[in-house]
Amino acid sequence: MATSAVPPAKRRVRKRIWIPSVLLGALALFVLWLVWRGTSVDATARNPTSADEGAVTQLLNEGEGTFVRTAIIVPAPPAEVWKVVTDYDSHPKFIRYVSELSSRKIEGGLVRLTGIAHSRLWGDFPFESDVTHTEKPAEGEYAAGWDDEGRAGFLVDRGGWTLKRLPGERTLLVFRLQMEVEGYPNFLIRNILLDRLGTIVESMRAEVAKRGGG
């Protein structure tokens, strides 16, 4: 009389244990990588050497705090780049991570920006910042900066744009942010910024070229 073969139970049990273990291990390695990436800080700023190099993004200790900094060379004079940087109301049209942005002048020569930063994965982050403009056309230097703490859920929100003239009617465009958000670990916010800021300055450069500035 023939007997039917019974599959070994031990192999199935091992498979059920092995697959979740591999997945958990991969998840743990990914989290460790995020922590390392969001805490590994440079002490020296790095800039691209040419426009072809694209954006250079890093986590940088600048004395007053740890910033995510990204730099790019725009083949246009600073005055033309400055026009695009300060055209805040148009930023949602060409920067995909900004879904809303409006500006108005307030006391003290400041510009108040009110908007929403959008992430498909992390959701929307409403923000409001008072921006100081510094313009030195003769030197080819411009800056737009803010330092807002404890506003709209942001424990720290400081940073801004700096523009510096380079030989050959080019501009070194730098965007830097230090951000701490209530309810989120700093390393996670820094990882988001490390992924986003390079795209933002590249979008800015493309808009300058679109408007005939480069």
C-alpha atoms as a PDB file:
ATOM      1  CA  MET A   1       0.000   0.000   0.000  1.00  0.00           C
ATOM      2  CA  ALA A   2       1.490   3.342  -1.110  1.00  0.00           C
ATOM      3  CA  THR A   3       1.880   6.173   1.361  1.00  0.00           C
ATOM      4  CA  SER A   4       1.784   9.867   0.361  1.00  0.00           C
ATOM      5  CA  ALA A   5       4.890  11.967   1.056  1.00  0.00           C
ATOM      6  CA  VAL A   6       4.500  14.622   3.732  1.00  0.00           C
ATOM      7  CA  PRO A   7       6.604  17.826   3.215  1.00  0.00           C
ATOM      8  CA  PRO A   8       8.989  18.434   6.072  1.00  0.00           C
ATOM      9  CA  ALA A   9       7.548  20.913   8.556  1.00  0.00           C
ATOM     10  CA  LYS A  10      10.948  22.199   9.717  1.00  0.00           C
ATOM     11  CA  ARG A  11      11.765  23.711   6.323  1.00  0.00           C
ATOM     12  CA  ARG A  12       8.524  25.736   6.323  1.00  0.00           C
ATOM     13  CA  VAL A  13       9.182  26.997   9.841  1.00  0.00           C
ATOM     14  CA  ARG A  14      12.698  28.076   8.914  1.00  0.00           C
ATOM     15  CA  LYS A  15      11.401  29.904   5.854  1.00  0.00           C
ATOM     16  CA  ARG A  16       8.794  31.759   7.916  1.00  0.00           C
ATOM     17  CA  ILE A  17      11.512  32.909  10.313  1.00  0.00           C
ATOM     18  CA  TRP A  18      14.215  33.639   7.724  1.00  0.00           C
ATOM     19  CA  ILE A  19      12.219  36.018   5.486  1.00  0.00           C
ATOM     20  CA  PRO A  20      11.034  38.373   8.279  1.00  0.00           C
ATOM     21  CA  SER A  21      14.532  38.324   9.777  1.00  0.00           C
ATOM     22  CA  VAL A  22      16.076  39.460   6.483  1.00  0.00           C
ATOM     23  CA  LEU A  23      13.470  42.209   6.104  1.00  0.00           C
ATOM     24  CA  LEU A  24      13.994  43.444   9.657  1.00  0.00           C
ATOM     25  CA  GLY A  25      17.756  43.397   9.139  1.00  0.00           C
ATOM     26  CA  ALA A  26      17.443  45.441   5.948  1.00  0.00           C
ATOM     27  CA  LEU A  27      15.165  47.919   7.714  1.00  0.00           C
ATOM     28  CA  ALA A  28      17.623  48.260  10.600  1.00  0.00           C
ATOM     29  CA  LEU A  29      20.492  48.928   8.173  1.00  0.00           C
ATOM     30  CA  PHE A  30      18.401  51.541   6.362  1.00  0.00           C
ATOM     31  CA  VAL A  31      17.587  53.338   9.625  1.00  0.00           C
ATOM     32  CA  LEU A  32      21.263  53.266  10.629  1.00  0.00           C
ATOM     33  CA  TRP A  33      22.198  54.734   7.250  1.00  0.00           C
ATOM     34  CA  LEU A  34      19.621  57.527   7.702  1.00  0.00           C
ATOM     35  CA  VAL A  35      21.008  58.307  11.161  1.00  0.00           C
ATOM     36  CA  TRP A  36      24.584  58.363   9.821  1.00  0.00           C
ATOM     37  CA  ARG A  37      23.624  60.542   6.858  1.00  0.00           C
ATOM     38  CA  GLY A  38      21.718  62.963   9.078  1.00  0.00           C
ATOM     39  CA  THR A  39      24.529  63.317  11.630  1.00  0.00           C
ATOM     40  CA  SER A  40      27.728  63.100   9.546  1.00  0.00           C
ATOM     41  CA  VAL A  41      28.788  66.758   9.482  1.00  0.00           C
ATOM     42  CA  ASP A  42      31.456  68.457   7.355  1.00  0.00           C
ATOM     43  CA  ALA A  43      33.585  71.274   8.741  1.00  0.00           C
ATOM     44  CA  THR A  44      34.431  72.898   5.383  1.00  0.00           C
ATOM     45  CA  ALA A  45      32.086  74.222   2.712  1.00  0.00           C
ATOM     46  CA  ARG A  46      32.330  72.624  -0.718  1.00  0.00           C
ATOM     47  CA  ASN A  47      31.426  74.352  -3.981  1.00  0.00           C
ATOM     48  CA  PRO A  48      31.211  73.090  -7.552  1.00  0.00           C
ATOM     49  CA  THR A  49      34.039  74.053  -9.874  1.00  0.00           C
ATOM     50  CA  SER A  50      31.862  74.501 -12.974  1.00  0.00           C
ATOM     51  CA  ALA A  51      28.239  74.752 -14.044  1.00  0.00           C
ATOM     52  CA  ASP A  52      28.465  71.255 -15.523  1.00  0.00           C
ATOM     53  CA  GLU A  53      29.161  69.769 -12.100  1.00  0.00           C
ATOM     54  CA  GLY A  54      25.640  70.419 -10.842  1.00  0.00           C
ATOM     55  CA  ALA A  55      24.654  71.025  -7.234  1.00  0.00           C
ATOM     56  CA  VAL A  56      26.969  70.113  -4.338  1.00  0.00           C
ATOM     57  CA  THR A  57      24.989  69.346  -1.174  1.00  0.00           C
ATOM     58  CA  GLN A  58      26.372  68.653   2.287  1.00  0.00           C
ATOM     59  CA  LEU A  59      25.639  68.749   6.009  1.00  0.00           C
ATOM     60  CA  LEU A  60      27.823  71.579   7.318  1.00  0.00           C
ATOM     61  CA  ASN A  61      28.767  72.882  10.756  1.00  0.00           C
ATOM     62  CA  GLU A  62      28.837  76.663  10.463  1.00  0.00           C
ATOM     63  CA  GLY A  63      29.476  77.551  14.102  1.00  0.00           C
ATOM     64  CA  GLU A  64      25.967  78.838  14.773  1.00  0.00           C
ATOM     65  CA  GLY A  65      24.542  75.408  14.046  1.00  0.00           C
ATOM     66  CA  THR A  66      24.374  72.516  11.599  1.00  0.00           C
ATOM     67  CA  PHE A  67      22.981  73.463   8.202  1.00  0.00           C
ATOM     68  CA  VAL A  68      22.129  71.575   5.061  1.00  0.00           C
ATOM     69  CA  ARG A  69      23.992  73.553   2.405  1.00  0.00           C
ATOM     70  CA  THR A  70      23.806  73.250  -1.355  1.00  0.00           C
ATOM     71  CA  ALA A  71      25.771  75.254  -3.921  1.00  0.00           C
ATOM     72  CA  ILE A  72      25.512  75.551  -7.684  1.00  0.00           C
ATOM     73  CA  ILE A  73      27.076  77.688 -10.400  1.00  0.00           C
ATOM     74  CA  VAL A  74      24.609  79.600 -12.565  1.00  0.00           C
ATOM     75  CA  PRO A  75      25.879  80.863 -15.955  1.00  0.00           C
ATOM     76  CA  ALA A  76      24.303  84.292 -15.482  1.00  0.00           C
ATOM     77  CA  PRO A  77      25.229  87.506 -13.629  1.00  0.00           C
ATOM     78  CA  PRO A  78      24.093  87.823  -9.989  1.00  0.00           C
ATOM     79  CA  ALA A  79      21.546  90.560 -10.730  1.00  0.00           C
ATOM     80  CA  GLU A  80      19.647  88.239 -13.077  1.00  0.00           C
ATOM     81  CA  VAL A  81      19.744  85.363 -10.593  1.00  0.00           C
ATOM     82  CA  TRP A  82      18.600  87.685  -7.794  1.00  0.00           C
ATOM     83  CA  LYS A  83      15.484  88.615  -9.771  1.00  0.00           C
ATOM     84  CA  VAL A  84      14.420  84.960  -9.805  1.00  0.00           C
ATOM     85  CA  VAL A  85      15.393  84.251  -6.197  1.00  0.00           C
ATOM     86  CA  THR A  86      13.283  87.172  -4.935  1.00  0.00           C
ATOM     87  CA  ASP A  87      10.310  86.500  -7.212  1.00  0.00           C
ATOM     88  CA  TYR A  88       8.824  84.548  -4.312  1.00  0.00           C
ATOM     89  CA  ASP A  89       5.234  84.436  -5.533  1.00  0.00           C
ATOM     90  CA  SER A  90       6.396  82.556  -8.650  1.00  0.00           C
ATOM     91  CA  HIS A  91       8.411  79.895  -6.794  1.00  0.00           C
ATOM     92  CA  PRO A  92       5.541  77.349  -6.689  1.00  0.00           C
ATOM     93  CA  LYS A  93       5.477  77.427 -10.491  1.00  0.00           C
ATOM     94  CA  PHE A  94       8.983  75.981 -10.860  1.00  0.00           C
ATOM     95  CA  ILE A  95       9.964  74.525  -7.458  1.00  0.00           C
ATOM     96  CA  ARG A  96       7.985  71.335  -6.978  1.00  0.00           C
ATOM     97  CA  TYR A  97       8.517  71.130  -3.213  1.00  0.00           C
ATOM     98  CA  VAL A  98       6.808  74.483  -2.667  1.00  0.00           C
ATOM     99  CA  SER A  99       3.073  74.151  -3.215  1.00  0.00           C
ATOM    100  CA  GLU A 100       2.118  77.639  -1.984  1.00  0.00           C
ATOM    101  CA  LEU A 101       4.069  80.839  -1.373  1.00  0.00           C
ATOM    102  CA  SER A 102       3.109  84.489  -1.021  1.00  0.00           C
ATOM    103  CA  SER A 103       5.139  87.519   0.014  1.00  0.00           C
ATOM    104  CA  ARG A 104       4.493  90.983   1.401  1.00  0.00           C
ATOM    105  CA  LYS A 105       6.671  93.786   2.699  1.00  0.00           C
ATOM    106  CA  ILE A 106       6.472  94.497   6.431  1.00  0.00           C
ATOM    107  CA  GLU A 107       8.086  96.943   8.845  1.00  0.00           C
ATOM    108  CA  GLY A 108      11.838  97.258   8.972  1.00  0.00           C
ATOM    109  CA  GLY A 109      12.318  96.514   5.285  1.00  0.00           C
ATOM    110  CA  LEU A 110      11.593  92.814   5.819  1.00  0.00           C
ATOM    111  CA  VAL A 111       9.670  90.545   3.460  1.00  0.00           C
ATOM    112  CA  ARG A 112       7.247  88.111   5.089  1.00  0.00           C
ATOM    113  CA  LEU A 113       6.895  84.793   3.293  1.00  0.00           C
ATOM    114  CA  THR A 114       3.908  82.555   3.973  1.00  0.00           C
ATOM    115  CA  GLY A 115       3.683  79.184   2.296  1.00  0.00           C
ATOM    116  CA  ILE A 116       3.519  75.412   2.363  1.00  0.00           C
ATOM    117  CA  ALA A 117       6.428  73.052   1.734  1.00  0.00           C
ATOM    118  CA  HIS A 118       5.134  69.768   0.309  1.00  0.00           C
ATOM    119  CA  SER A 119       6.484  66.225   0.445  1.00  0.00           C
ATOM    120  CA  ARG A 120       4.593  63.293  -1.047  1.00  0.00           C
ATOM    121  CA  LEU A 121       5.975  61.047   1.669  1.00  0.00           C
ATOM    122  CA  TRP A 122       5.925  63.317   4.745  1.00  0.00           C
ATOM    123  CA  GLY A 123       3.004  65.613   3.957  1.00  0.00           C
ATOM    124  CA  ASP A 124       2.687  69.405   4.119  1.00  0.00           C
ATOM    125  CA  PHE A 125       4.720  71.778   6.295  1.00  0.00           C
ATOM    126  CA  PRO A 126       3.164  75.264   6.588  1.00  0.00           C
ATOM    127  CA  PHE A 127       5.755  77.965   7.266  1.00  0.00           C
ATOM    128  CA  GLU A 128       6.140  81.695   7.749  1.00  0.00           C
ATOM    129  CA  SER A 129       9.445  83.546   7.610  1.00  0.00           C
ATOM    130  CA  ASP A 130      10.575  87.175   7.788  1.00  0.00           C
ATOM    131  CA  VAL A 131      13.336  87.648   5.243  1.00  0.00           C
ATOM    132  CA  THR A 132      16.089  90.272   5.256  1.00  0.00           C
ATOM    133  CA  HIS A 133      17.509  91.328   1.890  1.00  0.00           C
ATOM    134  CA  THR A 134      21.081  92.536   1.452  1.00  0.00           C
ATOM    135  CA  GLU A 135      22.083  93.911  -1.937  1.00  0.00           C
ATOM    136  CA  LYS A 136      25.578  94.966  -3.034  1.00  0.00           C
ATOM    137  CA  PRO A 137      25.319  95.305  -6.830  1.00  0.00           C
ATOM    138  CA  ALA A 138      28.778  96.836  -7.228  1.00  0.00           C
ATOM    139  CA  GLU A 139      30.382  93.829  -5.546  1.00  0.00           C
ATOM    140  CA  GLY A 140      28.018  91.375  -7.218  1.00  0.00           C
ATOM    141  CA  GLU A 141      26.814  90.064  -3.861  1.00  0.00           C
ATOM    142  CA  TYR A 142      23.227  89.507  -2.712  1.00  0.00           C
ATOM    143  CA  ALA A 143      21.641  87.689   0.215  1.00  0.00           C
ATOM    144  CA  ALA A 144      18.202  86.797   1.509  1.00  0.00           C
ATOM    145  CA  GLY A 145      18.144  85.326   4.997  1.00  0.00           C
ATOM    146  CA  TRP A 146      15.826  84.503   7.871  1.00  0.00           C
ATOM    147  CA  ASP A 147      16.068  83.331  11.467  1.00  0.00           C
ATOM    148  CA  ASP A 148      12.693  82.284  12.868  1.00  0.00           C
ATOM    149  CA  GLU A 149      12.378  80.159  16.005  1.00  0.00           C
ATOM    150  CA  GLY A 150       9.246  78.774  17.637  1.00  0.00           C
ATOM    151  CA  ARG A 151       6.919  79.686  14.792  1.00  0.00           C
ATOM    152  CA  ALA A 152       4.272  77.415  13.243  1.00  0.00           C
ATOM    153  CA  GLY A 153       5.654  74.195  14.748  1.00  0.00           C
ATOM    154  CA  PHE A 154       9.267  74.919  13.809  1.00  0.00           C
ATOM    155  CA  LEU A 155      11.633  74.873  16.770  1.00  0.00           C
ATOM    156  CA  VAL A 156      14.378  76.280  14.529  1.00  0.00           C
ATOM    157  CA  ASP A 157      14.053  77.700  11.032  1.00  0.00           C
ATOM    158  CA  ARG A 158      17.001  79.697   9.749  1.00  0.00           C
ATOM    159  CA  GLY A 159      18.889  79.962   6.507  1.00  0.00           C
ATOM    160  CA  GLY A 160      18.563  81.643   3.139  1.00  0.00           C
ATOM    161  CA  TRP A 161      20.184  82.421  -0.193  1.00  0.00           C
ATOM    162  CA  THR A 162      23.569  83.958  -0.958  1.00  0.00           C
ATOM    163  CA  LEU A 163      24.795  85.002  -4.388  1.00  0.00           C
ATOM    164  CA  LYS A 164      28.366  85.840  -5.323  1.00  0.00           C
ATOM    165  CA  ARG A 165      29.742  86.975  -8.663  1.00  0.00           C
ATOM    166  CA  LEU A 166      32.245  84.668 -10.349  1.00  0.00           C
ATOM    167  CA  PRO A 167      34.496  85.383 -13.357  1.00  0.00           C
ATOM    168  CA  GLY A 168      32.822  85.098 -16.733  1.00  0.00           C
ATOM    169  CA  GLU A 169      29.448  86.583 -15.710  1.00  0.00           C
ATOM    170  CA  ARG A 170      28.620  83.592 -13.561  1.00  0.00           C
ATOM    171  CA  THR A 171      27.067  83.319 -10.095  1.00  0.00           C
ATOM    172  CA  LEU A 172      27.763  81.036  -7.166  1.00  0.00           C
ATOM    173  CA  LEU A 173      24.289  80.395  -5.751  1.00  0.00           C
ATOM    174  CA  VAL A 174      24.123  78.919  -2.242  1.00  0.00           C
ATOM    175  CA  PHE A 175      21.013  77.811  -0.365  1.00  0.00           C
ATOM    176  CA  ARG A 176      21.310  76.749   3.282  1.00  0.00           C
ATOM    177  CA  LEU A 177      18.790  75.650   5.895  1.00  0.00           C
ATOM    178  CA  GLN A 178      18.860  74.696   9.542  1.00  0.00           C
ATOM    179  CA  MET A 179      15.491  73.278  10.505  1.00  0.00           C
ATOM    180  CA  GLU A 180      14.112  71.546  13.571  1.00  0.00           C
ATOM    181  CA  VAL A 181      10.457  70.518  13.497  1.00  0.00           C
ATOM    182  CA  GLU A 182       8.387  69.645  16.529  1.00  0.00           C
ATOM    183  CA  GLY A 183       7.688  65.904  16.708  1.00  0.00           C
ATOM    184  CA  TYR A 184      10.378  64.860  14.186  1.00  0.00           C
ATOM    185  CA  PRO A 185      13.995  63.778  14.932  1.00  0.00           C
ATOM    186  CA  ASN A 186      16.641  66.125  13.538  1.00  0.00           C
ATOM    187  CA  PHE A 187      18.388  63.411  11.509  1.00  0.00           C
ATOM    188  CA  LEU A 188      15.155  62.718   9.640  1.00  0.00           C
ATOM    189  CA  ILE A 189      14.544  66.382   8.773  1.00  0.00           C
ATOM    190  CA  ARG A 190      18.145  66.699   7.583  1.00  0.00           C
ATOM    191  CA  ASN A 191      17.741  63.686   5.313  1.00  0.00           C
ATOM    192  CA  ILE A 192      14.670  65.260   3.741  1.00  0.00           C
ATOM    193  CA  LEU A 193      16.569  68.510   3.176  1.00  0.00           C
ATOM    194  CA  LEU A 194      19.593  66.668   1.766  1.00  0.00           C
ATOM    195  CA  ASP A 195      17.279  65.126  -0.823  1.00  0.00           C
ATOM    196  CA  ARG A 196      15.422  68.358  -1.633  1.00  0.00           C
ATOM    197  CA  LEU A 197      17.820  71.297  -1.635  1.00  0.00           C
ATOM    198  CA  GLY A 198      19.876  70.214  -4.628  1.00  0.00           C
ATOM    199  CA  THR A 199      16.728  69.945  -6.730  1.00  0.00           C
ATOM    200  CA  ILE A 200      15.603  73.387  -5.546  1.00  0.00           C
ATOM    201  CA  VAL A 201      18.787  75.183  -6.657  1.00  0.00           C
ATOM    202  CA  GLU A 202      18.787  73.283  -9.951  1.00  0.00           C
ATOM    203  CA  SER A 203      15.200  74.435 -10.516  1.00  0.00           C
ATOM    204  CA  MET A 204      16.285  77.982  -9.735  1.00  0.00           C
ATOM    205  CA  ARG A 205      19.103  77.753 -12.286  1.00  0.00           C
ATOM    206  CA  ALA A 206      16.745  76.360 -14.917  1.00  0.00           C
ATOM    207  CA  GLU A 207      14.289  79.215 -14.306  1.00  0.00           C
ATOM    208  CA  VAL A 208      17.060  81.791 -14.739  1.00  0.00           C
ATOM    209  CA  ALA A 209      17.900  80.244 -18.109  1.00  0.00           C
ATOM    210  CA  LYS A 210      14.223  80.117 -19.067  1.00  0.00           C
ATOM    211  CA  ARG A 211      13.866  83.843 -18.440  1.00  0.00           C
ATOM    212  CA  GLY A 212      16.868  84.546 -20.632  1.00  0.00           C
ATOM    213  CA  GLY A 213      19.346  85.145 -17.872  1.00  0.00           C
ATOM    214  CA  GLY A 214      21.720  82.348 -18.754  1.00  0.00           C
END
